[in-house]
Amino acid sequence: MPGEPQPLYDPQRTTLTERRRAKVAELAALNRDDAKALRLERVSERTLERMTAQRDERGLMGLADGRWTPRLRELPIIEGTLIRLTVDPPAR
């Protein structure tokens, strides 16, 4: 996308800690109702660290709220399919 990455998130100009702090500030500036609807009303640097660790450990499903995905935990094949689709989308 044009203008991406935004300067606050450019890995060539900022550290990971700076990018996390920028994301926390961005989420804190969201409209309260919007943030609550997205379940992002209380995101800290530590939350972002945990999310990264969960993604590293369990892939994309590590980022899903476990309360919403109990059945999906039993279907690891879905994650592999999602990764394949993300990395190598079907030709149109």
Protein backbone atom coordinates (compact mmCIF):
# COMPACT_ATOMS: atom_id res chain seq x y z
CA MET A 1 0.00 0.00 0.00
CA PRO A 2 1.22 3.52 -0.66
CA GLY A 3 2.80 5.10 2.39
CA GLU A 4 3.45 1.76 4.08
CA PRO A 5 4.99 1.06 6.39
CA GLN A 6 4.03 4.09 8.38
CA PRO A 7 7.11 5.78 9.88
CA LEU A 8 6.13 4.68 13.41
CA TYR A 9 6.09 1.03 12.27
CA ASP A 10 9.03 1.03 9.85
CA PRO A 11 11.45 -1.68 11.03
CA GLN A 12 14.31 0.15 9.29
CA ARG A 13 13.80 3.23 11.51
CA THR A 14 12.33 1.89 14.76
CA THR A 15 12.99 -0.84 17.28
CA LEU A 16 10.44 -3.51 18.09
CA THR A 17 9.82 -1.84 21.44
CA GLU A 18 9.13 1.49 19.73
CA ARG A 19 6.72 -0.19 17.31
CA ARG A 20 4.88 -1.88 20.16
CA ARG A 21 4.60 1.41 22.05
CA ALA A 22 3.23 3.08 18.92
CA LYS A 23 0.62 0.33 18.54
CA VAL A 24 -0.42 0.63 22.19
CA ALA A 25 -0.84 4.40 21.73
CA GLU A 26 -2.80 3.89 18.50
CA LEU A 27 -5.18 1.42 20.17
CA ALA A 28 -5.57 3.67 23.22
CA ALA A 29 -6.71 6.46 20.89
CA LEU A 30 -9.56 4.38 19.46
CA ASN A 31 -13.12 5.33 20.24
CA ARG A 32 -13.97 3.51 23.48
CA ASP A 33 -16.99 1.68 22.01
CA ASP A 34 -15.05 0.61 18.93
CA ALA A 35 -12.16 -0.65 21.03
CA LYS A 36 -14.53 -2.61 23.24
CA ALA A 37 -16.30 -4.15 20.24
CA LEU A 38 -12.92 -5.27 18.92
CA ARG A 39 -11.83 -6.46 22.39
CA LEU A 40 -8.88 -4.08 22.23
CA GLU A 41 -9.79 -1.78 25.09
CA ARG A 42 -6.90 -2.94 27.28
CA VAL A 43 -3.83 -3.70 25.19
CA SER A 44 -0.43 -3.11 26.73
CA GLU A 45 3.11 -3.77 25.53
CA ARG A 46 3.01 -6.98 27.55
CA THR A 47 -0.21 -8.01 25.78
CA LEU A 48 1.51 -7.54 22.42
CA GLU A 49 4.48 -9.60 23.65
CA ARG A 50 2.12 -12.42 24.71
CA MET A 51 0.29 -12.27 21.39
CA THR A 52 3.60 -12.56 19.52
CA ALA A 53 4.65 -15.55 21.64
CA GLN A 54 1.28 -17.25 21.06
CA ARG A 55 1.54 -16.68 17.31
CA ASP A 56 5.09 -18.03 17.27
CA GLU A 57 4.02 -21.10 19.25
CA ARG A 58 0.69 -21.91 17.58
CA GLY A 59 0.68 -19.97 14.32
CA LEU A 60 -2.35 -17.94 13.30
CA MET A 61 -4.63 -19.86 15.67
CA GLY A 62 -2.50 -18.60 18.56
CA LEU A 63 -3.99 -15.16 17.95
CA ALA A 64 -7.59 -16.37 18.09
CA ASP A 65 -9.53 -15.90 21.31
CA GLY A 66 -9.77 -19.41 22.74
CA ARG A 67 -13.27 -18.75 24.04
CA TRP A 68 -14.46 -18.43 20.45
CA THR A 69 -12.52 -21.35 18.97
CA PRO A 70 -12.91 -24.42 21.20
CA ARG A 71 -13.83 -26.70 18.30
CA LEU A 72 -11.01 -25.44 16.10
CA ARG A 73 -8.37 -26.59 18.58
CA GLU A 74 -9.20 -30.13 17.50
CA LEU A 75 -8.69 -29.34 13.81
CA PRO A 76 -5.00 -28.48 13.27
CA ILE A 77 -5.38 -29.09 9.54
CA ILE A 78 -7.25 -25.77 9.27
CA GLU A 79 -4.20 -23.84 10.38
CA GLY A 80 -2.03 -25.47 7.73
CA THR A 81 -4.62 -24.66 5.10
CA LEU A 82 -4.78 -21.03 6.22
CA ILE A 83 -1.01 -20.73 6.11
CA ARG A 84 -0.85 -22.26 2.62
CA LEU A 85 -3.57 -19.89 1.41
CA THR A 86 -1.77 -16.93 2.94
CA VAL A 87 1.64 -17.83 1.56
CA ASP A 88 0.48 -19.18 -1.81
CA PRO A 89 -3.00 -17.86 -2.65
CA PRO A 90 -4.86 -19.66 -5.46
CA ALA A 91 -4.55 -18.15 -8.92
CA ARG A 92 -7.54 -16.17 -10.13
